Amino acid sequence: MDMKPVASSNIQAVGYDESTETMRVQFNNSSVYEYHNIPLIVYNDFMQASSLGAYLNRNIRNNYSYEKIA
């Protein structure tokens, strides 16, 4: 999965696989999480958010399953 660097105080890079609706988030502390069943529209909204961390906490973390992978 290609990871794109992002401008965020807490998130270093984000990747998305549309075929599996999986979003991968690498945080500045080097931990990596995969979020499952993320619709493309949610991913796009996330990437356009003024605060990626706030959007992740408000709209993704408690609404979609995820796992720590690194």
N, C-alpha and C. Protein backbone atom coordinates (compact mmCIF):
# COMPACT_ATOMS: atom_id res chain seq x y z
N MET A 1 0.85 -1.17 0.00
CA MET A 1 0.00 0.00 0.00
C MET A 1 0.90 1.24 0.00
N ASP A 2 0.67 2.14 -0.92
CA ASP A 2 1.43 3.39 -0.97
C ASP A 2 1.02 4.28 0.18
N MET A 3 2.01 4.79 0.89
CA MET A 3 1.77 5.69 2.01
C MET A 3 2.12 7.11 1.56
N LYS A 4 1.21 8.04 1.82
CA LYS A 4 1.42 9.44 1.46
C LYS A 4 1.74 10.23 2.72
N PRO A 5 2.86 10.98 2.71
CA PRO A 5 3.14 11.85 3.85
C PRO A 5 2.03 12.90 3.99
N VAL A 6 1.70 13.24 5.22
CA VAL A 6 0.66 14.24 5.47
C VAL A 6 1.19 15.29 6.43
N ALA A 7 0.56 16.46 6.38
CA ALA A 7 0.89 17.55 7.29
C ALA A 7 -0.01 17.42 8.51
N SER A 8 0.55 16.91 9.59
CA SER A 8 -0.21 16.69 10.81
C SER A 8 0.75 16.67 11.99
N SER A 9 0.27 17.13 13.14
CA SER A 9 1.13 17.11 14.33
C SER A 9 1.24 15.72 14.93
N ASN A 10 0.35 14.81 14.54
CA ASN A 10 0.32 13.48 15.15
C ASN A 10 0.46 12.33 14.14
N ILE A 11 0.16 12.59 12.87
CA ILE A 11 0.15 11.54 11.84
C ILE A 11 1.23 11.83 10.81
N GLN A 12 2.03 10.80 10.52
CA GLN A 12 3.14 10.95 9.57
C GLN A 12 2.73 10.64 8.13
N ALA A 13 1.95 9.55 7.94
CA ALA A 13 1.61 9.13 6.59
C ALA A 13 0.31 8.32 6.62
N VAL A 14 -0.37 8.32 5.46
CA VAL A 14 -1.65 7.62 5.32
C VAL A 14 -1.65 6.87 4.00
N GLY A 15 -2.18 5.66 4.01
CA GLY A 15 -2.37 4.88 2.79
C GLY A 15 -3.79 4.37 2.72
N TYR A 16 -4.24 4.06 1.50
CA TYR A 16 -5.61 3.56 1.32
C TYR A 16 -5.64 2.56 0.19
N ASP A 17 -6.30 1.43 0.42
CA ASP A 17 -6.52 0.41 -0.60
C ASP A 17 -8.02 0.36 -0.88
N GLU A 18 -8.41 0.92 -2.00
CA GLU A 18 -9.84 1.01 -2.34
C GLU A 18 -10.47 -0.37 -2.51
N SER A 19 -9.72 -1.36 -3.01
CA SER A 19 -10.30 -2.67 -3.27
C SER A 19 -10.70 -3.39 -1.98
N THR A 20 -9.98 -3.13 -0.89
CA THR A 20 -10.31 -3.76 0.39
C THR A 20 -10.90 -2.77 1.40
N GLU A 21 -10.98 -1.51 1.00
CA GLU A 21 -11.46 -0.43 1.89
C GLU A 21 -10.66 -0.41 3.19
N THR A 22 -9.34 -0.55 3.05
CA THR A 22 -8.45 -0.52 4.20
C THR A 22 -7.63 0.76 4.18
N MET A 23 -7.63 1.45 5.31
CA MET A 23 -6.83 2.66 5.46
C MET A 23 -5.75 2.39 6.49
N ARG A 24 -4.51 2.71 6.15
CA ARG A 24 -3.38 2.52 7.05
C ARG A 24 -2.89 3.89 7.49
N VAL A 25 -2.69 4.04 8.78
CA VAL A 25 -2.23 5.31 9.34
C VAL A 25 -0.95 5.07 10.13
N GLN A 26 0.10 5.80 9.76
CA GLN A 26 1.36 5.75 10.50
C GLN A 26 1.46 7.03 11.33
N PHE A 27 1.57 6.85 12.63
CA PHE A 27 1.65 7.99 13.53
C PHE A 27 3.10 8.41 13.72
N ASN A 28 3.30 9.61 14.24
CA ASN A 28 4.66 10.13 14.43
C ASN A 28 5.48 9.30 15.41
N ASN A 29 4.82 8.56 16.29
CA ASN A 29 5.55 7.70 17.23
C ASN A 29 5.90 6.34 16.61
N SER A 30 5.72 6.21 15.29
CA SER A 30 6.04 5.03 14.48
C SER A 30 5.02 3.90 14.58
N SER A 31 3.98 4.03 15.41
CA SER A 31 2.95 3.00 15.42
C SER A 31 2.12 3.09 14.14
N VAL A 32 1.64 1.93 13.68
CA VAL A 32 0.87 1.85 12.45
C VAL A 32 -0.42 1.10 12.74
N TYR A 33 -1.54 1.67 12.32
CA TYR A 33 -2.84 1.05 12.50
C TYR A 33 -3.51 0.88 11.14
N GLU A 34 -4.27 -0.20 11.00
CA GLU A 34 -5.12 -0.38 9.83
C GLU A 34 -6.58 -0.30 10.27
N TYR A 35 -7.32 0.50 9.54
CA TYR A 35 -8.76 0.70 9.78
C TYR A 35 -9.50 0.02 8.64
N HIS A 36 -10.53 -0.75 8.99
CA HIS A 36 -11.19 -1.63 8.02
C HIS A 36 -12.57 -1.10 7.61
N ASN A 37 -12.95 -1.44 6.37
CA ASN A 37 -14.26 -1.08 5.80
C ASN A 37 -14.48 0.42 5.75
N ILE A 38 -13.43 1.15 5.40
CA ILE A 38 -13.50 2.61 5.27
C ILE A 38 -13.94 2.93 3.85
N PRO A 39 -15.14 3.49 3.67
CA PRO A 39 -15.57 3.87 2.32
C PRO A 39 -14.66 4.96 1.74
N LEU A 40 -14.54 4.98 0.44
CA LEU A 40 -13.70 5.97 -0.24
C LEU A 40 -14.09 7.38 0.15
N ILE A 41 -15.37 7.67 0.29
CA ILE A 41 -15.82 9.01 0.66
C ILE A 41 -15.29 9.41 2.04
N VAL A 42 -15.24 8.46 2.96
CA VAL A 42 -14.72 8.74 4.31
C VAL A 42 -13.22 9.01 4.24
N TYR A 43 -12.51 8.20 3.47
CA TYR A 43 -11.07 8.43 3.28
C TYR A 43 -10.82 9.80 2.68
N ASN A 44 -11.57 10.15 1.64
CA ASN A 44 -11.39 11.46 1.00
C ASN A 44 -11.70 12.60 1.97
N ASP A 45 -12.77 12.47 2.74
CA ASP A 45 -13.10 13.49 3.74
C ASP A 45 -11.99 13.61 4.77
N PHE A 46 -11.47 12.48 5.21
CA PHE A 46 -10.37 12.46 6.17
C PHE A 46 -9.16 13.21 5.61
N MET A 47 -8.78 12.91 4.38
CA MET A 47 -7.61 13.53 3.78
C MET A 47 -7.78 15.04 3.56
N GLN A 48 -9.04 15.50 3.45
CA GLN A 48 -9.31 16.92 3.25
C GLN A 48 -9.56 17.67 4.56
N ALA A 49 -9.59 16.97 5.67
CA ALA A 49 -9.90 17.59 6.96
C ALA A 49 -8.81 18.57 7.37
N SER A 50 -9.22 19.63 8.04
CA SER A 50 -8.25 20.62 8.51
C SER A 50 -7.38 20.05 9.63
N SER A 51 -7.91 19.09 10.39
CA SER A 51 -7.14 18.39 11.42
C SER A 51 -7.37 16.89 11.24
N LEU A 52 -6.34 16.20 10.75
CA LEU A 52 -6.48 14.77 10.52
C LEU A 52 -6.70 14.02 11.83
N GLY A 53 -5.98 14.39 12.87
CA GLY A 53 -6.13 13.72 14.16
C GLY A 53 -7.53 13.88 14.73
N ALA A 54 -8.07 15.08 14.66
CA ALA A 54 -9.42 15.32 15.18
C ALA A 54 -10.44 14.55 14.36
N TYR A 55 -10.29 14.53 13.03
CA TYR A 55 -11.23 13.77 12.19
C TYR A 55 -11.16 12.28 12.50
N LEU A 56 -9.94 11.77 12.65
CA LEU A 56 -9.77 10.35 12.97
C LEU A 56 -10.46 10.01 14.29
N ASN A 57 -10.24 10.82 15.29
CA ASN A 57 -10.85 10.56 16.60
C ASN A 57 -12.37 10.69 16.57
N ARG A 58 -12.88 11.67 15.86
CA ARG A 58 -14.31 11.96 15.85
C ARG A 58 -15.10 11.03 14.93
N ASN A 59 -14.55 10.67 13.78
CA ASN A 59 -15.34 9.99 12.75
C ASN A 59 -14.91 8.57 12.40
N ILE A 60 -13.72 8.18 12.78
CA ILE A 60 -13.22 6.87 12.34
C ILE A 60 -12.96 5.92 13.51
N ARG A 61 -12.23 6.37 14.50
CA ARG A 61 -11.75 5.47 15.57
C ARG A 61 -12.87 4.69 16.25
N ASN A 62 -13.99 5.33 16.55
CA ASN A 62 -15.08 4.65 17.27
C ASN A 62 -16.15 4.07 16.34
N ASN A 63 -15.98 4.24 15.04
CA ASN A 63 -17.00 3.79 14.09
C ASN A 63 -16.57 2.65 13.18
N TYR A 64 -15.28 2.36 13.13
CA TYR A 64 -14.76 1.32 12.25
C TYR A 64 -13.79 0.44 13.04
N SER A 65 -13.72 -0.83 12.66
CA SER A 65 -12.76 -1.71 13.33
C SER A 65 -11.35 -1.37 12.89
N TYR A 66 -10.40 -1.61 13.79
CA TYR A 66 -9.01 -1.33 13.48
C TYR A 66 -8.12 -2.26 14.28
N GLU A 67 -6.86 -2.32 13.84
CA GLU A 67 -5.87 -3.13 14.53
C GLU A 67 -4.52 -2.47 14.41
N LYS A 68 -3.72 -2.64 15.45
CA LYS A 68 -2.34 -2.15 15.42
C LYS A 68 -1.50 -3.19 14.68
N ILE A 69 -0.76 -2.76 13.67
CA ILE A 69 0.04 -3.71 12.89
C ILE A 69 1.54 -3.48 13.10
N ALA A 70 1.91 -2.36 13.70
CA ALA A 70 3.34 -2.10 13.99
C ALA A 70 3.46 -1.08 15.10
